[in-house]
Amino acid sequence: MATWTPAALSSELRRLAGQCWRVVEAQHIVSTMTLVDTLAEQQLLEQLLDESKPPVPPECRHLHYLLSTPFRYGAPYPSGSRFRRAGLTLGVFYASQQVTTAVAEMAFRRLLFFAESPDTPWPANASEYTAFAVKFRTSHGLDLGRAAFDKTARELSHPTDYAAGHSLADAARTAGAQVLRYPSARADGNNLALLTCAAFASCEPNERQVWRLHISSVGVRAICAFPEQRLAFGHAAFAGDPRVAAMRWDRSPRSATR
């Protein structure tokens, strides 16, 4: 595996700025509503729940919770992601440059859940998600899509092995990098990994969309009512990942008894 040193990465630092998109489950808005009788009670419950969670780092406390949440620490990160090791590790805000890429990433994660849970039936109803955009800006960014990273591109985009990404992220932090831009391993477009809250150029989301994802034996259909957008991800959409490629799509009761 090719490795990058902090000194080598320092020479690749450059300005990165723009808008990025992240998709989260919409349940964060209404999940506590059924447990209380009034809005005041819901606000109190939300406050109590927030106080029970790991603390927000001081440098992130001015941010909207949708931005600061990935940087909360104090509990082990359950499993490694592309640029974050498992365990008590520093947070990463993952996003995409285009909302369609962010939706594709969420569609992949939902299919991966079912791939790893072969006896779970397909949901009867669509699930609702919130896509939100936020501005970022840094003079210490790394564009991993540039030619300088061609030799490590395949390792950095491996569908299941994140070792190269972990090593690069460690060296990038030492070099002072704040944002990594990299080609999505799941869909067309670029993703972004914000390594620090200092990379946000605004304190809260500046745009939101509501998406509904319907998952079934034919794949994932994603629909946004306003602005109107429709995306479809069939069996071949994420076949580059061996876990999804081997998934049992037919989950009818009869197929389960064979």
C-alpha atoms as a PDB file:
ATOM      1  CA  MET A   1       0.000   0.000   0.000  1.00  0.00           C
ATOM      2  CA  ALA A   2       1.408   3.377  -1.012  1.00  0.00           C
ATOM      3  CA  THR A   3       1.737   5.880   1.811  1.00  0.00           C
ATOM      4  CA  TRP A   4       1.740   9.662   2.031  1.00  0.00           C
ATOM      5  CA  THR A   5       3.827  11.542   4.574  1.00  0.00           C
ATOM      6  CA  PRO A   6       2.605  14.761   6.213  1.00  0.00           C
ATOM      7  CA  ALA A   7       5.432  16.652   4.482  1.00  0.00           C
ATOM      8  CA  ALA A   8       4.367  15.386   1.053  1.00  0.00           C
ATOM      9  CA  LEU A   9       0.729  16.224   1.716  1.00  0.00           C
ATOM     10  CA  SER A  10       1.635  19.727   2.894  1.00  0.00           C
ATOM     11  CA  SER A  11       2.817  20.558  -0.616  1.00  0.00           C
ATOM     12  CA  GLU A  12      -0.569  19.475  -2.006  1.00  0.00           C
ATOM     13  CA  LEU A  13      -2.691  21.719   0.229  1.00  0.00           C
ATOM     14  CA  ARG A  14      -4.885  24.159  -1.691  1.00  0.00           C
ATOM     15  CA  ARG A  15      -8.022  26.271  -1.385  1.00  0.00           C
ATOM     16  CA  LEU A  16     -11.317  24.382  -1.452  1.00  0.00           C
ATOM     17  CA  ALA A  17     -14.678  26.101  -1.075  1.00  0.00           C
ATOM     18  CA  GLY A  18     -18.295  25.736  -2.074  1.00  0.00           C
ATOM     19  CA  GLN A  19     -21.438  24.008  -0.914  1.00  0.00           C
ATOM     20  CA  CYS A  20     -21.804  20.401   0.208  1.00  0.00           C
ATOM     21  CA  TRP A  21     -24.811  18.157   0.821  1.00  0.00           C
ATOM     22  CA  ARG A  22     -25.513  15.584   3.514  1.00  0.00           C
ATOM     23  CA  VAL A  23     -28.555  13.294   3.897  1.00  0.00           C
ATOM     24  CA  VAL A  24     -29.951  12.253   7.286  1.00  0.00           C
ATOM     25  CA  GLU A  25     -33.044  10.406   8.421  1.00  0.00           C
ATOM     26  CA  ALA A  26     -35.961  12.754   8.976  1.00  0.00           C
ATOM     27  CA  GLN A  27     -36.939  10.928  12.182  1.00  0.00           C
ATOM     28  CA  HIS A  28     -34.753  13.361  14.137  1.00  0.00           C
ATOM     29  CA  ILE A  29     -37.601  15.863  13.753  1.00  0.00           C
ATOM     30  CA  VAL A  30     -40.600  13.831  14.946  1.00  0.00           C
ATOM     31  CA  SER A  31     -39.193  10.836  16.828  1.00  0.00           C
ATOM     32  CA  THR A  32     -39.931  12.327  20.266  1.00  0.00           C
ATOM     33  CA  MET A  33     -43.273  13.908  19.383  1.00  0.00           C
ATOM     34  CA  THR A  34     -45.303  10.775  20.180  1.00  0.00           C
ATOM     35  CA  LEU A  35     -43.799  10.593  23.677  1.00  0.00           C
ATOM     36  CA  VAL A  36     -45.131  13.954  24.909  1.00  0.00           C
ATOM     37  CA  ASP A  37     -48.314  16.021  24.902  1.00  0.00           C
ATOM     38  CA  THR A  38     -47.042  19.550  24.201  1.00  0.00           C
ATOM     39  CA  LEU A  39     -44.304  21.302  22.260  1.00  0.00           C
ATOM     40  CA  ALA A  40     -42.820  22.572  25.527  1.00  0.00           C
ATOM     41  CA  GLU A  41     -42.555  19.010  26.828  1.00  0.00           C
ATOM     42  CA  GLN A  42     -40.945  17.929  23.567  1.00  0.00           C
ATOM     43  CA  GLN A  43     -38.379  20.727  23.811  1.00  0.00           C
ATOM     44  CA  LEU A  44     -37.530  19.666  27.379  1.00  0.00           C
ATOM     45  CA  LEU A  45     -37.231  16.017  26.336  1.00  0.00           C
ATOM     46  CA  GLU A  46     -34.967  16.939  23.433  1.00  0.00           C
ATOM     47  CA  GLN A  47     -32.787  18.953  25.819  1.00  0.00           C
ATOM     48  CA  LEU A  48     -32.509  16.043  28.263  1.00  0.00           C
ATOM     49  CA  LEU A  49     -31.634  13.639  25.453  1.00  0.00           C
ATOM     50  CA  ASP A  50     -29.002  16.027  24.120  1.00  0.00           C
ATOM     51  CA  GLU A  51     -27.385  16.316  27.540  1.00  0.00           C
ATOM     52  CA  SER A  52     -27.101  12.523  27.725  1.00  0.00           C
ATOM     53  CA  LYS A  53     -25.080  12.367  24.509  1.00  0.00           C
ATOM     54  CA  PRO A  54     -21.301  12.783  24.170  1.00  0.00           C
ATOM     55  CA  PRO A  55     -20.245  16.438  24.450  1.00  0.00           C
ATOM     56  CA  VAL A  56     -19.834  18.740  21.467  1.00  0.00           C
ATOM     57  CA  PRO A  57     -16.233  19.993  21.192  1.00  0.00           C
ATOM     58  CA  PRO A  58     -15.912  23.657  22.250  1.00  0.00           C
ATOM     59  CA  GLU A  59     -14.830  24.708  18.753  1.00  0.00           C
ATOM     60  CA  CYS A  60     -18.093  23.289  17.333  1.00  0.00           C
ATOM     61  CA  ARG A  61     -20.620  24.635  19.838  1.00  0.00           C
ATOM     62  CA  HIS A  62     -21.581  27.630  17.706  1.00  0.00           C
ATOM     63  CA  LEU A  63     -22.804  25.303  14.944  1.00  0.00           C
ATOM     64  CA  HIS A  64     -26.259  23.910  14.219  1.00  0.00           C
ATOM     65  CA  TYR A  65     -26.527  20.382  15.611  1.00  0.00           C
ATOM     66  CA  LEU A  66     -26.733  18.872  12.116  1.00  0.00           C
ATOM     67  CA  LEU A  67     -23.202  20.175  11.523  1.00  0.00           C
ATOM     68  CA  SER A  68     -21.670  19.469  14.926  1.00  0.00           C
ATOM     69  CA  THR A  69     -23.106  15.982  15.511  1.00  0.00           C
ATOM     70  CA  PRO A  70     -20.395  14.044  13.594  1.00  0.00           C
ATOM     71  CA  PHE A  71     -17.735  15.695  15.766  1.00  0.00           C
ATOM     72  CA  ARG A  72     -19.175  14.577  19.105  1.00  0.00           C
ATOM     73  CA  TYR A  73     -16.828  12.277  20.938  1.00  0.00           C
ATOM     74  CA  GLY A  74     -16.623  10.420  24.252  1.00  0.00           C
ATOM     75  CA  ALA A  75     -17.974   7.106  22.967  1.00  0.00           C
ATOM     76  CA  PRO A  76     -16.215   4.652  20.644  1.00  0.00           C
ATOM     77  CA  TYR A  77     -16.942   5.078  16.943  1.00  0.00           C
ATOM     78  CA  PRO A  78     -18.654   1.722  16.247  1.00  0.00           C
ATOM     79  CA  SER A  79     -16.921   0.810  12.995  1.00  0.00           C
ATOM     80  CA  GLY A  80     -14.400   2.440  10.730  1.00  0.00           C
ATOM     81  CA  SER A  81     -15.440   4.594   7.779  1.00  0.00           C
ATOM     82  CA  ARG A  82     -13.396   5.746   4.807  1.00  0.00           C
ATOM     83  CA  PHE A  83     -11.373   8.387   6.656  1.00  0.00           C
ATOM     84  CA  ARG A  84     -12.109   7.579  10.289  1.00  0.00           C
ATOM     85  CA  ARG A  85     -10.829   4.651  12.309  1.00  0.00           C
ATOM     86  CA  ALA A  86     -13.043   2.732  14.724  1.00  0.00           C
ATOM     87  CA  GLY A  87     -12.736   3.545  18.406  1.00  0.00           C
ATOM     88  CA  LEU A  88     -12.184   6.851  20.190  1.00  0.00           C
ATOM     89  CA  THR A  89     -11.207   8.836  17.124  1.00  0.00           C
ATOM     90  CA  LEU A  90     -11.688  12.376  15.856  1.00  0.00           C
ATOM     91  CA  GLY A  91     -14.925  13.104  13.995  1.00  0.00           C
ATOM     92  CA  VAL A  92     -15.457  13.506  10.258  1.00  0.00           C
ATOM     93  CA  PHE A  93     -18.345  15.305   8.542  1.00  0.00           C
ATOM     94  CA  TYR A  94     -19.042  13.344   5.353  1.00  0.00           C
ATOM     95  CA  ALA A  95     -20.905  15.099   2.535  1.00  0.00           C
ATOM     96  CA  SER A  96     -21.150  15.317  -1.259  1.00  0.00           C
ATOM     97  CA  GLN A  97     -20.768  18.174  -3.720  1.00  0.00           C
ATOM     98  CA  GLN A  98     -24.078  17.335  -5.399  1.00  0.00           C
ATOM     99  CA  VAL A  99     -27.327  16.378  -3.689  1.00  0.00           C
ATOM    100  CA  THR A 100     -27.789  13.492  -6.143  1.00  0.00           C
ATOM    101  CA  THR A 101     -24.466  12.002  -5.045  1.00  0.00           C
ATOM    102  CA  ALA A 102     -25.471  12.363  -1.384  1.00  0.00           C
ATOM    103  CA  VAL A 103     -28.782  10.597  -2.073  1.00  0.00           C
ATOM    104  CA  ALA A 104     -26.939   7.800  -3.895  1.00  0.00           C
ATOM    105  CA  GLU A 105     -24.654   7.367  -0.877  1.00  0.00           C
ATOM    106  CA  MET A 106     -27.691   7.051   1.401  1.00  0.00           C
ATOM    107  CA  ALA A 107     -29.340   4.586  -0.992  1.00  0.00           C
ATOM    108  CA  PHE A 108     -26.185   2.469  -0.850  1.00  0.00           C
ATOM    109  CA  ARG A 109     -26.095   2.523   2.963  1.00  0.00           C
ATOM    110  CA  ARG A 110     -29.736   1.466   3.160  1.00  0.00           C
ATOM    111  CA  LEU A 111     -29.145  -1.418   0.735  1.00  0.00           C
ATOM    112  CA  LEU A 112     -26.057  -2.429   2.692  1.00  0.00           C
ATOM    113  CA  PHE A 113     -28.222  -2.771   5.807  1.00  0.00           C
ATOM    114  CA  PHE A 114     -30.461  -5.243   3.992  1.00  0.00           C
ATOM    115  CA  ALA A 115     -27.486  -7.037   2.456  1.00  0.00           C
ATOM    116  CA  GLU A 116     -26.161  -7.673   5.951  1.00  0.00           C
ATOM    117  CA  SER A 117     -29.625  -8.622   7.233  1.00  0.00           C
ATOM    118  CA  PRO A 118     -30.861 -11.160   4.646  1.00  0.00           C
ATOM    119  CA  ASP A 119     -33.967 -12.163   6.599  1.00  0.00           C
ATOM    120  CA  THR A 120     -35.281  -8.619   6.984  1.00  0.00           C
ATOM    121  CA  PRO A 121     -38.243  -8.030   4.644  1.00  0.00           C
ATOM    122  CA  TRP A 122     -38.377  -5.003   2.401  1.00  0.00           C
ATOM    123  CA  PRO A 123     -40.170  -2.054   4.049  1.00  0.00           C
ATOM    124  CA  ALA A 124     -43.783  -1.595   3.045  1.00  0.00           C
ATOM    125  CA  ASN A 125     -43.556   2.195   2.980  1.00  0.00           C
ATOM    126  CA  ALA A 126     -41.072   4.779   1.825  1.00  0.00           C
ATOM    127  CA  SER A 127     -38.748   6.357   4.389  1.00  0.00           C
ATOM    128  CA  GLU A 128     -38.296  10.106   4.644  1.00  0.00           C
ATOM    129  CA  TYR A 129     -34.900  11.806   4.653  1.00  0.00           C
ATOM    130  CA  THR A 130     -33.674  15.364   4.933  1.00  0.00           C
ATOM    131  CA  ALA A 131     -30.972  16.565   2.545  1.00  0.00           C
ATOM    132  CA  PHE A 132     -29.293  19.736   3.719  1.00  0.00           C
ATOM    133  CA  ALA A 133     -26.585  21.925   2.249  1.00  0.00           C
ATOM    134  CA  VAL A 134     -23.929  23.948   4.035  1.00  0.00           C
ATOM    135  CA  LYS A 135     -21.091  26.120   2.813  1.00  0.00           C
ATOM    136  CA  PHE A 136     -17.459  25.265   3.505  1.00  0.00           C
ATOM    137  CA  ARG A 137     -14.194  27.083   2.912  1.00  0.00           C
ATOM    138  CA  THR A 138     -10.546  26.297   3.625  1.00  0.00           C
ATOM    139  CA  SER A 139      -7.077  27.151   2.382  1.00  0.00           C
ATOM    140  CA  HIS A 140      -5.894  23.749   3.665  1.00  0.00           C
ATOM    141  CA  GLY A 141      -7.728  21.291   1.456  1.00  0.00           C
ATOM    142  CA  LEU A 142      -6.612  18.160  -0.351  1.00  0.00           C
ATOM    143  CA  ASP A 143      -8.173  17.261  -3.702  1.00  0.00           C
ATOM    144  CA  LEU A 144      -7.679  13.500  -3.917  1.00  0.00           C
ATOM    145  CA  GLY A 145      -9.005  13.502  -7.477  1.00  0.00           C
ATOM    146  CA  ARG A 146      -5.889  15.286  -8.756  1.00  0.00           C
ATOM    147  CA  ALA A 147      -3.212  13.487 -10.761  1.00  0.00           C
ATOM    148  CA  ALA A 148      -0.829  13.559  -7.800  1.00  0.00           C
ATOM    149  CA  PHE A 149      -3.019  10.918  -6.103  1.00  0.00           C
ATOM    150  CA  ASP A 150      -3.492   8.666  -9.150  1.00  0.00           C
ATOM    151  CA  LYS A 151      -1.194   5.959  -7.766  1.00  0.00           C
ATOM    152  CA  THR A 152      -3.294   5.595  -4.628  1.00  0.00           C
ATOM    153  CA  ALA A 153      -6.721   6.258  -6.168  1.00  0.00           C
ATOM    154  CA  ARG A 154      -7.740   2.600  -6.325  1.00  0.00           C
ATOM    155  CA  GLU A 155      -6.736   1.964  -2.705  1.00  0.00           C
ATOM    156  CA  LEU A 156      -8.499   5.106  -1.506  1.00  0.00           C
ATOM    157  CA  SER A 157     -11.753   4.116  -3.240  1.00  0.00           C
ATOM    158  CA  HIS A 158     -11.765   0.414  -2.303  1.00  0.00           C
ATOM    159  CA  PRO A 159     -15.367  -0.625  -1.524  1.00  0.00           C
ATOM    160  CA  THR A 160     -14.617  -2.415   1.758  1.00  0.00           C
ATOM    161  CA  ASP A 161     -10.983  -1.853   2.791  1.00  0.00           C
ATOM    162  CA  TYR A 162     -10.457   1.603   4.328  1.00  0.00           C
ATOM    163  CA  ALA A 163      -6.863   1.121   5.493  1.00  0.00           C
ATOM    164  CA  ALA A 164      -5.434   3.476   2.852  1.00  0.00           C
ATOM    165  CA  GLY A 165      -7.962   6.155   3.753  1.00  0.00           C
ATOM    166  CA  HIS A 166      -7.184   5.860   7.449  1.00  0.00           C
ATOM    167  CA  SER A 167      -3.446   6.248   6.857  1.00  0.00           C
ATOM    168  CA  LEU A 168      -3.939   9.213   4.552  1.00  0.00           C
ATOM    169  CA  ALA A 169      -6.348  10.925   6.967  1.00  0.00           C
ATOM    170  CA  ASP A 170      -3.855  10.541   9.826  1.00  0.00           C
ATOM    171  CA  ALA A 171      -1.094  12.114   7.722  1.00  0.00           C
ATOM    172  CA  ALA A 172      -3.484  14.794   6.433  1.00  0.00           C
ATOM    173  CA  ARG A 173      -4.420  15.890   9.947  1.00  0.00           C
ATOM    174  CA  THR A 174      -0.742  16.114  10.880  1.00  0.00           C
ATOM    175  CA  ALA A 175      -0.176  18.242   7.765  1.00  0.00           C
ATOM    176  CA  GLY A 176      -2.959  20.592   8.855  1.00  0.00           C
ATOM    177  CA  ALA A 177      -5.518  19.564   6.234  1.00  0.00           C
ATOM    178  CA  GLN A 178      -9.115  20.513   6.987  1.00  0.00           C
ATOM    179  CA  VAL A 179     -11.061  19.153   3.996  1.00  0.00           C
ATOM    180  CA  LEU A 180     -10.596  16.142   1.717  1.00  0.00           C
ATOM    181  CA  ARG A 181     -12.348  16.068  -1.655  1.00  0.00           C
ATOM    182  CA  TYR A 182     -12.468  12.639  -3.282  1.00  0.00           C
ATOM    183  CA  PRO A 183     -14.366  10.735  -5.997  1.00  0.00           C
ATOM    184  CA  SER A 184     -17.318   8.773  -4.669  1.00  0.00           C
ATOM    185  CA  ALA A 185     -16.778   5.016  -4.655  1.00  0.00           C
ATOM    186  CA  ARG A 186     -20.544   4.460  -4.968  1.00  0.00           C
ATOM    187  CA  ALA A 187     -21.821   6.960  -7.531  1.00  0.00           C
ATOM    188  CA  ASP A 188     -20.878   9.690  -9.980  1.00  0.00           C
ATOM    189  CA  GLY A 189     -19.580  12.853  -8.380  1.00  0.00           C
ATOM    190  CA  ASN A 190     -17.273  13.944  -5.582  1.00  0.00           C
ATOM    191  CA  ASN A 191     -17.558  13.563  -1.842  1.00  0.00           C
ATOM    192  CA  LEU A 192     -16.068  15.704   0.891  1.00  0.00           C
ATOM    193  CA  ALA A 193     -14.695  14.832   4.299  1.00  0.00           C
ATOM    194  CA  LEU A 194     -14.501  17.814   6.636  1.00  0.00           C
ATOM    195  CA  LEU A 195     -11.945  16.955   9.311  1.00  0.00           C
ATOM    196  CA  THR A 196     -12.656  19.960  11.509  1.00  0.00           C
ATOM    197  CA  CYS A 197     -15.492  22.327  12.375  1.00  0.00           C
ATOM    198  CA  ALA A 198     -13.255  25.202  11.292  1.00  0.00           C
ATOM    199  CA  ALA A 199     -13.956  24.266   7.667  1.00  0.00           C
ATOM    200  CA  PHE A 200     -17.610  25.375   7.834  1.00  0.00           C
ATOM    201  CA  ALA A 201     -18.210  28.792   6.265  1.00  0.00           C
ATOM    202  CA  SER A 202     -21.676  29.113   7.827  1.00  0.00           C
ATOM    203  CA  CYS A 203     -23.122  28.103  11.181  1.00  0.00           C
ATOM    204  CA  GLU A 204     -26.217  26.344   9.898  1.00  0.00           C
ATOM    205  CA  PRO A 205     -27.648  24.726   6.771  1.00  0.00           C
ATOM    206  CA  ASN A 206     -28.584  27.153   4.019  1.00  0.00           C
ATOM    207  CA  GLU A 207     -30.816  24.838   1.983  1.00  0.00           C
ATOM    208  CA  ARG A 208     -32.956  21.753   2.667  1.00  0.00           C
ATOM    209  CA  GLN A 209     -34.833  19.184   0.640  1.00  0.00           C
ATOM    210  CA  VAL A 210     -37.138  16.316   1.620  1.00  0.00           C
ATOM    211  CA  TRP A 211     -36.461  12.977  -0.082  1.00  0.00           C
ATOM    212  CA  ARG A 212     -38.444   9.745   0.140  1.00  0.00           C
ATOM    213  CA  LEU A 213     -36.668   6.463  -0.495  1.00  0.00           C
ATOM    214  CA  HIS A 214     -38.646   3.363  -1.418  1.00  0.00           C
ATOM    215  CA  ILE A 215     -36.650   0.133  -1.197  1.00  0.00           C
ATOM    216  CA  SER A 216     -37.860  -3.096  -2.768  1.00  0.00           C
ATOM    217  CA  SER A 217     -36.744  -6.146  -4.735  1.00  0.00           C
ATOM    218  CA  VAL A 218     -36.092  -3.971  -7.798  1.00  0.00           C
ATOM    219  CA  GLY A 219     -33.790  -1.512  -6.011  1.00  0.00           C
ATOM    220  CA  VAL A 220     -34.168   1.977  -4.584  1.00  0.00           C
ATOM    221  CA  ARG A 221     -36.384   4.753  -5.919  1.00  0.00           C
ATOM    222  CA  ALA A 222     -35.666   8.221  -4.538  1.00  0.00           C
ATOM    223  CA  ILE A 223     -38.119  11.087  -5.013  1.00  0.00           C
ATOM    224  CA  CYS A 224     -37.928  14.749  -4.058  1.00  0.00           C
ATOM    225  CA  ALA A 225     -41.144  16.720  -4.487  1.00  0.00           C
ATOM    226  CA  PHE A 226     -39.607  20.202  -4.484  1.00  0.00           C
ATOM    227  CA  PRO A 227     -37.619  20.799  -6.512  1.00  0.00           C
ATOM    228  CA  GLU A 228     -38.914  17.777  -8.397  1.00  0.00           C
ATOM    229  CA  GLN A 229     -36.202  15.132  -8.773  1.00  0.00           C
ATOM    230  CA  ARG A 230     -36.345  11.375  -9.267  1.00  0.00           C
ATOM    231  CA  LEU A 231     -33.521   8.863  -9.039  1.00  0.00           C
ATOM    232  CA  ALA A 232     -33.490   5.083  -9.439  1.00  0.00           C
ATOM    233  CA  PHE A 233     -30.845   2.595  -8.336  1.00  0.00           C
ATOM    234  CA  GLY A 234     -31.311  -0.915  -9.695  1.00  0.00           C
ATOM    235  CA  HIS A 235     -29.466  -4.157  -8.995  1.00  0.00           C
ATOM    236  CA  ALA A 236     -26.383  -3.057 -10.905  1.00  0.00           C
ATOM    237  CA  ALA A 237     -26.069   0.397  -9.305  1.00  0.00           C
ATOM    238  CA  PHE A 238     -23.817  -0.721  -6.445  1.00  0.00           C
ATOM    239  CA  ALA A 239     -22.669  -4.098  -7.763  1.00  0.00           C
ATOM    240  CA  GLY A 240     -19.057  -2.989  -7.346  1.00  0.00           C
ATOM    241  CA  ASP A 241     -19.477  -3.661  -3.632  1.00  0.00           C
ATOM    242  CA  PRO A 242     -19.282  -7.427  -3.006  1.00  0.00           C
ATOM    243  CA  ARG A 243     -21.750  -7.242  -0.127  1.00  0.00           C
ATOM    244  CA  VAL A 244     -24.493  -5.702  -2.256  1.00  0.00           C
ATOM    245  CA  ALA A 245     -23.566  -7.823  -5.286  1.00  0.00           C
ATOM    246  CA  ALA A 246     -24.233 -10.998  -3.262  1.00  0.00           C
ATOM    247  CA  MET A 247     -27.495  -9.739  -1.745  1.00  0.00           C
ATOM    248  CA  ARG A 248     -30.659 -11.829  -1.978  1.00  0.00           C
ATOM    249  CA  TRP A 249     -33.171  -9.528  -3.649  1.00  0.00           C
ATOM    250  CA  ASP A 250     -36.176 -11.866  -3.553  1.00  0.00           C
ATOM    251  CA  ARG A 251     -37.525 -11.623  -0.011  1.00  0.00           C
ATOM    252  CA  SER A 252     -40.994 -13.009  -0.527  1.00  0.00           C
ATOM    253  CA  PRO A 253     -42.181 -15.494   2.150  1.00  0.00           C
ATOM    254  CA  ARG A 254     -42.000 -18.352  -0.339  1.00  0.00           C
ATOM    255  CA  SER A 255     -38.348 -17.668  -1.249  1.00  0.00           C
ATOM    256  CA  ALA A 256     -37.385 -17.604   2.428  1.00  0.00           C
ATOM    257  CA  THR A 257     -38.578 -21.190   2.941  1.00  0.00           C
ATOM    258  CA  ARG A 258     -36.621 -22.691   0.054  1.00  0.00           C
END
